[in-house]
PDB file of all heavy atoms in Angstrom:
ATOM      1  N   ILE A   1       2.191   7.246   4.543  1.00  0.00           N
ATOM      2  CA  ILE A   1       2.397   8.688   4.360  1.00  0.00           C
ATOM      3  C   ILE A   1       2.433   9.397   5.703  1.00  0.00           C
ATOM      4  O   ILE A   1       3.307  10.236   5.959  1.00  0.00           O
ATOM      5  CB  ILE A   1       1.300   9.275   3.449  1.00  0.00           C
ATOM      6  CG1 ILE A   1       1.501   8.776   2.012  1.00  0.00           C
ATOM      7  CG2 ILE A   1       1.304  10.809   3.499  1.00  0.00           C
ATOM      8  CD1 ILE A   1       0.387   9.158   1.064  1.00  0.00           C
ATOM      9  N   GLU A   2       1.506   9.049   6.586  1.00  0.00           N
ATOM     10  CA  GLU A   2       1.447   9.722   7.889  1.00  0.00           C
ATOM     11  C   GLU A   2       2.669   9.388   8.742  1.00  0.00           C
ATOM     12  O   GLU A   2       3.203  10.268   9.437  1.00  0.00           O
ATOM     13  CB  GLU A   2       0.154   9.339   8.603  1.00  0.00           C
ATOM     14  CG  GLU A   2      -1.092   9.947   7.936  1.00  0.00           C
ATOM     15  CD  GLU A   2      -2.388   9.573   8.624  1.00  0.00           C
ATOM     16  OE1 GLU A   2      -2.397   8.583   9.403  1.00  0.00           O
ATOM     17  OE2 GLU A   2      -3.405  10.256   8.380  1.00  0.00           O
ATOM     18  N   VAL A   3       3.121   8.143   8.701  1.00  0.00           N
ATOM     19  CA  VAL A   3       4.303   7.746   9.478  1.00  0.00           C
ATOM     20  C   VAL A   3       5.549   8.468   8.971  1.00  0.00           C
ATOM     21  O   VAL A   3       6.350   8.992   9.755  1.00  0.00           O
ATOM     22  CB  VAL A   3       4.497   6.218   9.415  1.00  0.00           C
ATOM     23  CG1 VAL A   3       5.893   5.821   9.874  1.00  0.00           C
ATOM     24  CG2 VAL A   3       3.457   5.508  10.272  1.00  0.00           C
ATOM     25  N   VAL A   4       5.725   8.503   7.657  1.00  0.00           N
ATOM     26  CA  VAL A   4       6.904   9.158   7.084  1.00  0.00           C
ATOM     27  C   VAL A   4       6.868  10.651   7.363  1.00  0.00           C
ATOM     28  O   VAL A   4       7.891  11.258   7.739  1.00  0.00           O
ATOM     29  CB  VAL A   4       6.997   8.883   5.569  1.00  0.00           C
ATOM     30  CG1 VAL A   4       8.138   9.683   4.952  1.00  0.00           C
ATOM     31  CG2 VAL A   4       7.202   7.395   5.310  1.00  0.00           C
ATOM     32  N   ASP A   5       5.707  11.268   7.205  1.00  0.00           N
ATOM     33  CA  ASP A   5       5.592  12.697   7.494  1.00  0.00           C
ATOM     34  C   ASP A   5       5.899  12.997   8.957  1.00  0.00           C
ATOM     35  O   ASP A   5       6.603  13.965   9.275  1.00  0.00           O
ATOM     36  CB  ASP A   5       4.177  13.191   7.152  1.00  0.00           C
ATOM     37  CG  ASP A   5       4.142  13.981   5.852  1.00  0.00           C
ATOM     38  OD1 ASP A   5       5.219  14.371   5.345  1.00  0.00           O
ATOM     39  OD2 ASP A   5       3.035  14.231   5.330  1.00  0.00           O
ATOM     40  N   ALA A   6       5.375  12.179   9.856  1.00  0.00           N
ATOM     41  CA  ALA A   6       5.590  12.417  11.282  1.00  0.00           C
ATOM     42  C   ALA A   6       7.061  12.264  11.651  1.00  0.00           C
ATOM     43  O   ALA A   6       7.605  13.051  12.431  1.00  0.00           O
ATOM     44  CB  ALA A   6       4.741  11.447  12.105  1.00  0.00           C
ATOM     45  N   ASP A   7       7.714  11.280  11.073  1.00  0.00           N
ATOM     46  CA  ASP A   7       9.107  11.019  11.412  1.00  0.00           C
ATOM     47  C   ASP A   7      10.058  12.052  10.826  1.00  0.00           C
ATOM     48  O   ASP A   7      11.143  12.274  11.360  1.00  0.00           O
ATOM     49  CB  ASP A   7       9.510   9.627  10.929  1.00  0.00           C
ATOM     50  CG  ASP A   7      10.826   9.163  11.528  1.00  0.00           C
ATOM     51  OD1 ASP A   7      11.884   9.583  11.023  1.00  0.00           O
ATOM     52  OD2 ASP A   7      10.801   8.415  12.526  1.00  0.00           O
ATOM     53  N   THR A   8       9.660  12.690   9.736  1.00  0.00           N
ATOM     54  CA  THR A   8      10.547  13.645   9.061  1.00  0.00           C
ATOM     55  C   THR A   8      10.063  15.088   9.204  1.00  0.00           C
ATOM     56  O   THR A   8      10.568  15.975   8.520  1.00  0.00           O
ATOM     57  CB  THR A   8      10.663  13.302   7.565  1.00  0.00           C
ATOM     58  OG1 THR A   8       9.356  13.356   6.960  1.00  0.00           O
ATOM     59  CG2 THR A   8      11.250  11.917   7.372  1.00  0.00           C
ATOM     60  N   ASP A   9       9.086  15.309  10.091  1.00  0.00           N
ATOM     61  CA  ASP A   9       8.538  16.658  10.308  1.00  0.00           C
ATOM     62  C   ASP A   9       8.047  17.299   9.018  1.00  0.00           C
ATOM     63  O   ASP A   9       8.213  18.500   8.792  1.00  0.00           O
ATOM     64  CB  ASP A   9       9.595  17.561  10.968  1.00  0.00           C
ATOM     65  CG  ASP A   9      10.012  17.060  12.344  1.00  0.00           C
ATOM     66  OD1 ASP A   9       9.131  16.567  13.071  1.00  0.00           O
ATOM     67  OD2 ASP A   9      11.210  17.148  12.672  1.00  0.00           O
ATOM     68  N   GLY A  10       7.460  16.478   8.153  1.00  0.00           N
ATOM     69  CA  GLY A  10       6.885  17.003   6.912  1.00  0.00           C
ATOM     70  C   GLY A  10       7.921  17.527   5.934  1.00  0.00           C
ATOM     71  O   GLY A  10       7.613  18.374   5.092  1.00  0.00           O
ATOM     72  N   ALA A  11       9.152  17.017   6.014  1.00  0.00           N
ATOM     73  CA  ALA A  11      10.232  17.544   5.176  1.00  0.00           C
ATOM     74  C   ALA A  11      10.092  17.168   3.708  1.00  0.00           C
ATOM     75  O   ALA A  11      10.698  17.796   2.843  1.00  0.00           O
ATOM     76  CB  ALA A  11      11.575  17.039   5.703  1.00  0.00           C
ATOM     77  N   ILE A  12       9.316  16.141   3.413  1.00  0.00           N
ATOM     78  CA  ILE A  12       9.163  15.685   2.031  1.00  0.00           C
ATOM     79  C   ILE A  12       8.313  16.685   1.253  1.00  0.00           C
ATOM     80  O   ILE A  12       7.264  17.146   1.726  1.00  0.00           O
ATOM     81  CB  ILE A  12       8.533  14.283   2.007  1.00  0.00           C
ATOM     82  CG1 ILE A  12       9.523  13.273   2.603  1.00  0.00           C
ATOM     83  CG2 ILE A  12       8.119  13.867   0.611  1.00  0.00           C
ATOM     84  CD1 ILE A  12       8.921  11.963   2.977  1.00  0.00           C
ATOM     85  N   ALA A  13       8.759  17.018   0.040  1.00  0.00           N
ATOM     86  CA  ALA A  13       8.043  18.005  -0.776  1.00  0.00           C
ATOM     87  C   ALA A  13       6.637  17.522  -1.109  1.00  0.00           C
ATOM     88  O   ALA A  13       5.665  18.267  -0.983  1.00  0.00           O
ATOM     89  CB  ALA A  13       8.827  18.296  -2.058  1.00  0.00           C
ATOM     90  N   TYR A  14       6.537  16.286  -1.542  1.00  0.00           N
ATOM     91  CA  TYR A  14       5.227  15.673  -1.796  1.00  0.00           C
ATOM     92  C   TYR A  14       5.428  14.178  -2.021  1.00  0.00           C
ATOM     93  O   TYR A  14       6.550  13.693  -2.183  1.00  0.00           O
ATOM     94  CB  TYR A  14       4.509  16.301  -3.002  1.00  0.00           C
ATOM     95  CG  TYR A  14       5.264  16.295  -4.308  1.00  0.00           C
ATOM     96  CD1 TYR A  14       5.163  15.253  -5.220  1.00  0.00           C
ATOM     97  CD2 TYR A  14       6.065  17.380  -4.663  1.00  0.00           C
ATOM     98  CE1 TYR A  14       5.837  15.263  -6.425  1.00  0.00           C
ATOM     99  CE2 TYR A  14       6.744  17.414  -5.872  1.00  0.00           C
ATOM    100  CZ  TYR A  14       6.625  16.346  -6.749  1.00  0.00           C
ATOM    101  OH  TYR A  14       7.313  16.374  -7.944  1.00  0.00           O
ATOM    102  N   PHE A  15       4.314  13.460  -2.009  1.00  0.00           N
ATOM    103  CA  PHE A  15       4.321  12.022  -2.236  1.00  0.00           C
ATOM    104  C   PHE A  15       3.719  11.705  -3.606  1.00  0.00           C
ATOM    105  O   PHE A  15       2.947  12.495  -4.162  1.00  0.00           O
ATOM    106  CB  PHE A  15       3.503  11.297  -1.161  1.00  0.00           C
ATOM    107  CG  PHE A  15       4.131  11.302   0.203  1.00  0.00           C
ATOM    108  CD1 PHE A  15       3.925  12.369   1.074  1.00  0.00           C
ATOM    109  CD2 PHE A  15       4.922  10.244   0.634  1.00  0.00           C
ATOM    110  CE1 PHE A  15       4.490  12.385   2.341  1.00  0.00           C
ATOM    111  CE2 PHE A  15       5.490  10.242   1.898  1.00  0.00           C
ATOM    112  CZ  PHE A  15       5.278  11.315   2.750  1.00  0.00           C
ATOM    113  N   MET A  16       4.064  10.542  -4.110  1.00  0.00           N
ATOM    114  CA  MET A  16       3.466  10.044  -5.338  1.00  0.00           C
ATOM    115  C   MET A  16       3.073   8.574  -5.149  1.00  0.00           C
ATOM    116  O   MET A  16       3.553   7.901  -4.245  1.00  0.00           O
ATOM    117  CB  MET A  16       4.436  10.158  -6.523  1.00  0.00           C
ATOM    118  CG  MET A  16       4.875  11.568  -6.873  1.00  0.00           C
ATOM    119  SD  MET A  16       5.582  11.692  -8.558  1.00  0.00           S
ATOM    120  CE  MET A  16       6.976  10.564  -8.434  1.00  0.00           C
ATOM    121  N   ILE A  17       2.206   8.112  -6.043  1.00  0.00           N
ATOM    122  CA  ILE A  17       1.856   6.696  -6.136  1.00  0.00           C
ATOM    123  C   ILE A  17       2.349   6.211  -7.486  1.00  0.00           C
ATOM    124  O   ILE A  17       2.144   6.876  -8.501  1.00  0.00           O
ATOM    125  CB  ILE A  17       0.336   6.473  -6.034  1.00  0.00           C
ATOM    126  CG1 ILE A  17      -0.236   7.097  -4.759  1.00  0.00           C
ATOM    127  CG2 ILE A  17       0.007   4.988  -6.090  1.00  0.00           C
ATOM    128  CD1 ILE A  17      -1.761   7.119  -4.736  1.00  0.00           C
ATOM    129  N   ASN A  18       3.010   5.058  -7.505  1.00  0.00           N
ATOM    130  CA  ASN A  18       3.463   4.562  -8.797  1.00  0.00           C
ATOM    131  C   ASN A  18       3.449   3.032  -8.836  1.00  0.00           C
ATOM    132  O   ASN A  18       3.199   2.359  -7.834  1.00  0.00           O
ATOM    133  CB  ASN A  18       4.865   5.083  -9.138  1.00  0.00           C
ATOM    134  CG  ASN A  18       5.953   4.481  -8.282  1.00  0.00           C
ATOM    135  OD1 ASN A  18       6.097   4.841  -7.120  1.00  0.00           O
ATOM    136  ND2 ASN A  18       6.709   3.555  -8.837  1.00  0.00           N
ATOM    137  N   CYS A  19       3.680   2.509 -10.038  1.00  0.00           N
ATOM    138  CA  CYS A  19       3.850   1.072 -10.249  1.00  0.00           C
ATOM    139  C   CYS A  19       2.608   0.253  -9.896  1.00  0.00           C
ATOM    140  O   CYS A  19       2.720  -0.867  -9.399  1.00  0.00           O
ATOM    141  CB  CYS A  19       5.068   0.563  -9.481  1.00  0.00           C
ATOM    142  SG  CYS A  19       5.955  -0.757 -10.363  1.00  0.00           S
ATOM    143  N   ALA A  20       1.430   0.805 -10.143  1.00  0.00           N
ATOM    144  CA  ALA A  20       0.171   0.084  -9.983  1.00  0.00           C
ATOM    145  C   ALA A  20      -0.857   0.760 -10.878  1.00  0.00           C
ATOM    146  O   ALA A  20      -0.713   1.929 -11.250  1.00  0.00           O
ATOM    147  CB  ALA A  20      -0.296   0.114  -8.534  1.00  0.00           C
ATOM    148  N   HIS A  21      -1.881   0.035 -11.248  1.00  0.00           N
ATOM    149  CA  HIS A  21      -2.951   0.601 -12.077  1.00  0.00           C
ATOM    150  C   HIS A  21      -3.941   1.340 -11.181  1.00  0.00           C
ATOM    151  O   HIS A  21      -4.152   0.930 -10.034  1.00  0.00           O
ATOM    152  CB  HIS A  21      -3.664  -0.520 -12.841  1.00  0.00           C
ATOM    153  CG  HIS A  21      -4.553  -0.030 -13.932  1.00  0.00           C
ATOM    154  ND1 HIS A  21      -5.877   0.297 -13.730  1.00  0.00           N
ATOM    155  CD2 HIS A  21      -4.293   0.223 -15.250  1.00  0.00           C
ATOM    156  CE1 HIS A  21      -6.404   0.699 -14.875  1.00  0.00           C
ATOM    157  NE2 HIS A  21      -5.464   0.671 -15.818  1.00  0.00           N
ATOM    158  N   PRO A  22      -4.553   2.422 -11.660  1.00  0.00           N
ATOM    159  CA  PRO A  22      -5.508   3.166 -10.821  1.00  0.00           C
ATOM    160  C   PRO A  22      -6.618   2.304 -10.225  1.00  0.00           C
ATOM    161  O   PRO A  22      -7.104   2.589  -9.124  1.00  0.00           O
ATOM    162  CB  PRO A  22      -6.071   4.214 -11.779  1.00  0.00           C
ATOM    163  CG  PRO A  22      -4.953   4.479 -12.730  1.00  0.00           C
ATOM    164  CD  PRO A  22      -4.300   3.133 -12.938  1.00  0.00           C
ATOM    165  N   THR A  23      -7.034   1.248 -10.921  1.00  0.00           N
ATOM    166  CA  THR A  23      -8.084   0.386 -10.375  1.00  0.00           C
ATOM    167  C   THR A  23      -7.628  -0.339  -9.116  1.00  0.00           C
ATOM    168  O   THR A  23      -8.454  -0.848  -8.353  1.00  0.00           O
ATOM    169  CB  THR A  23      -8.533  -0.656 -11.419  1.00  0.00           C
ATOM    170  OG1 THR A  23      -7.386  -1.392 -11.880  1.00  0.00           O
ATOM    171  CG2 THR A  23      -9.193   0.027 -12.608  1.00  0.00           C
ATOM    172  N   HIS A  24      -6.313  -0.398  -8.892  1.00  0.00           N
ATOM    173  CA  HIS A  24      -5.783  -1.065  -7.706  1.00  0.00           C
ATOM    174  C   HIS A  24      -5.853  -0.194  -6.455  1.00  0.00           C
ATOM    175  O   HIS A  24      -5.925  -0.721  -5.346  1.00  0.00           O
ATOM    176  CB  HIS A  24      -4.321  -1.472  -7.926  1.00  0.00           C
ATOM    177  CG  HIS A  24      -4.119  -2.430  -9.052  1.00  0.00           C
ATOM    178  ND1 HIS A  24      -2.889  -2.641  -9.654  1.00  0.00           N
ATOM    179  CD2 HIS A  24      -5.009  -3.226  -9.715  1.00  0.00           C
ATOM    180  CE1 HIS A  24      -3.023  -3.519 -10.629  1.00  0.00           C
ATOM    181  NE2 HIS A  24      -4.296  -3.887 -10.683  1.00  0.00           N
ATOM    182  N   PHE A  25      -5.790   1.128  -6.645  1.00  0.00           N
ATOM    183  CA  PHE A  25      -5.678   1.989  -5.465  1.00  0.00           C
ATOM    184  C   PHE A  25      -6.722   3.087  -5.362  1.00  0.00           C
ATOM    185  O   PHE A  25      -6.778   3.784  -4.350  1.00  0.00           O
ATOM    186  CB  PHE A  25      -4.281   2.616  -5.385  1.00  0.00           C
ATOM    187  CG  PHE A  25      -3.889   3.455  -6.583  1.00  0.00           C
ATOM    188  CD1 PHE A  25      -4.317   4.766  -6.707  1.00  0.00           C
ATOM    189  CD2 PHE A  25      -3.068   2.932  -7.568  1.00  0.00           C
ATOM    190  CE1 PHE A  25      -3.950   5.545  -7.802  1.00  0.00           C
ATOM    191  CE2 PHE A  25      -2.682   3.705  -8.663  1.00  0.00           C
ATOM    192  CZ  PHE A  25      -3.129   5.016  -8.781  1.00  0.00           C
TER     193      PHE A  25
END
């Protein structure tokens, strides 16, 4: 998240987590 935000100057509206169970992350 930090690398993508830094490279794109925070242009992304928001991030999500998907394709894993909550116990994994």
